Amino acid sequence: MATNLAIEGNEKLKGTFPRVLTFKEKFGYAAGDLGNNFLFEMGQLYLLKYFTDVIGLPAITAGSVFLVAKIWDAFADIGVGTAIDHRKNIGKRGRFRPFILWSTLPLGLLLIANFTVPDFSLTGREIWSYVTYILFGTVYSISNIAYGSMQPTMTKNSVERSMLAGWRTIGSNFGVLISTVAFMPIVLILPTEKIGYSVAAAAFAISGVACQLFCYFCIKEHYEDEKTRLKAMEAEEGTGENKGFRGFKEIMKSYGAVFKNGPLLILCLSNLFTFSAFNVKQAVQFYFAQYVLHNITIISYMTFFTMGFAILASAMIPFFTKRIGKKYTFILGCLIWAVSDGIGYFLTNSAITFTIFTSISYFGNGLIGGLNWALISDVVEYGEWKTSVRSEGIVYSSYTYFRKLSQAAAGVVPGIVLATVGYIPNQAQTAQALGGIRGLVFIYPVVMAALTVILMLIYPLTEQKYGQIMIDLQERHQKLME
């Protein structure tokens, strides 16, 4: 019933919003997140271990680099989103696409700098690590906020958005797969780990830049709603307020609308929980493989299975959402993840069991990760419907603000836990340290997934509601333009 009403709503809008995305657009958008992950996942997967085991930063210091950088990134996201939403003189390239083009090369160069720390003193290495990672995160905000904010402008069809989210997640998962499988072999074939990390980072930087440029040339913005924006601006210009005050008032109105967007706030908190769990698990799995299972090379071949399950889940998102809707598919993913990691905590003592339980948990996470991008597009429409303020950039950057906080957790939580349990790099670990590593890999995700289920049970934006919102918005836009 839910899906039928959503489809009925889309049918009513078909004359105005007929946009069915081409294969080129979907593939190009997927390539964008493939490139994003070639660039971004290096920090999430390997930088903590590079800091502690290669350049010799204390675990607590390495964790604090992530904490400071990600908190800064979170505010950078908000700033970038605000700037994009209030751009004037939009050219033929669109509101969002130029930022992808401008940021891609600096992003690649900064990634290499992250993994090429000079032979300074300990204090010098710490400063280099802070500065380069903060700069990387700032430029990544420019690229990723623009990339993610584009999705509502590409299509307004709910089913197409789910498909586009699935394509994006497939690209993301392939990025994680290739990053996890290929990075460490490159490191290990070179004379030293320090050289290996730098060369591997350079290889992925070049690949990431190429993918992002391919994305830029394949995707386009089809629904900018610029006429509606201009109408609203013309109405404000008639009030006699000075231009600067009008601009400030417009920005504050956009932020006020965010806090009235209940589904967005629920989605932000849910993402804080699930993304922090995923990032912590990713960052600590190398420690688990090395010190608990005594075989760090298993991560490379295990990833074929784990990411294969995640990609399968992404491909099955349209199947599940057509039958039970986005909300309950999201909850299903959390339950699969929580049960798998909960059992895995007690039974994982070999490479085989680690692969099995991690693969199942990644299937659950694949459903969650793909739906995040479809749901964020829906809450943009909800926000406009609720407040009469449309602000893709601020909504998306508010959402990524919480993702950046979760990424901070992925660095600082393991850093604090490892320091607390007495972790010492490249030595046999105590039972207390091994217990801390196991808890980070399994128990932390279980708790976060359970909290997310509770939140999503009160998430109000169903398929029926979305279909009606789109009808109401179209009627509102037509009246505004008359």
Foldseek 3Di string as FASTA:
>chain_A
DLLVLLVVLCVVCCVPFVDQDDPLLLLLLLLLLLLVLLLPVCCLFPLLCCCCFPLNDALQLQLVLLQVLLLLLLVLLLVLLLCLLPDPPADPLGSQLVLLVVLLLVLLVLLLQLLQQDPDPNVSSSVSNNVSSNVNSNSSSSNVLSSLLQLLQNGDRLLSQLLSLLSNLLSNLVSVLCCQQPQVVQCVVDPHNSVSNSVSSNVSSVSSSVSSVSSSVRHGGHHPVVVVVVLVVVVVVVPPDDPVVVSVVLSVLVVVLLVVLVLLVLLLLLLLLQLLLVSLLSHLVQVCCCAQAVHSNLRNVLSVLQSVLLSVLSVCLSVVCSPPRLLVLLLVLLVQLLVLLVVLLPPDRYSVSVSVSSSSNSNSVSSNSSSSSSSLSLSQLVSCLVRVDHRSSNSSSNSVSSSSSSSSSSSNVVSVLQVVQPPDPPDHGDPSNSNSSSCSNRVSSNVSSVVSSVSSVPNDDTSNNSSVSVVVVVVVSVVSVD
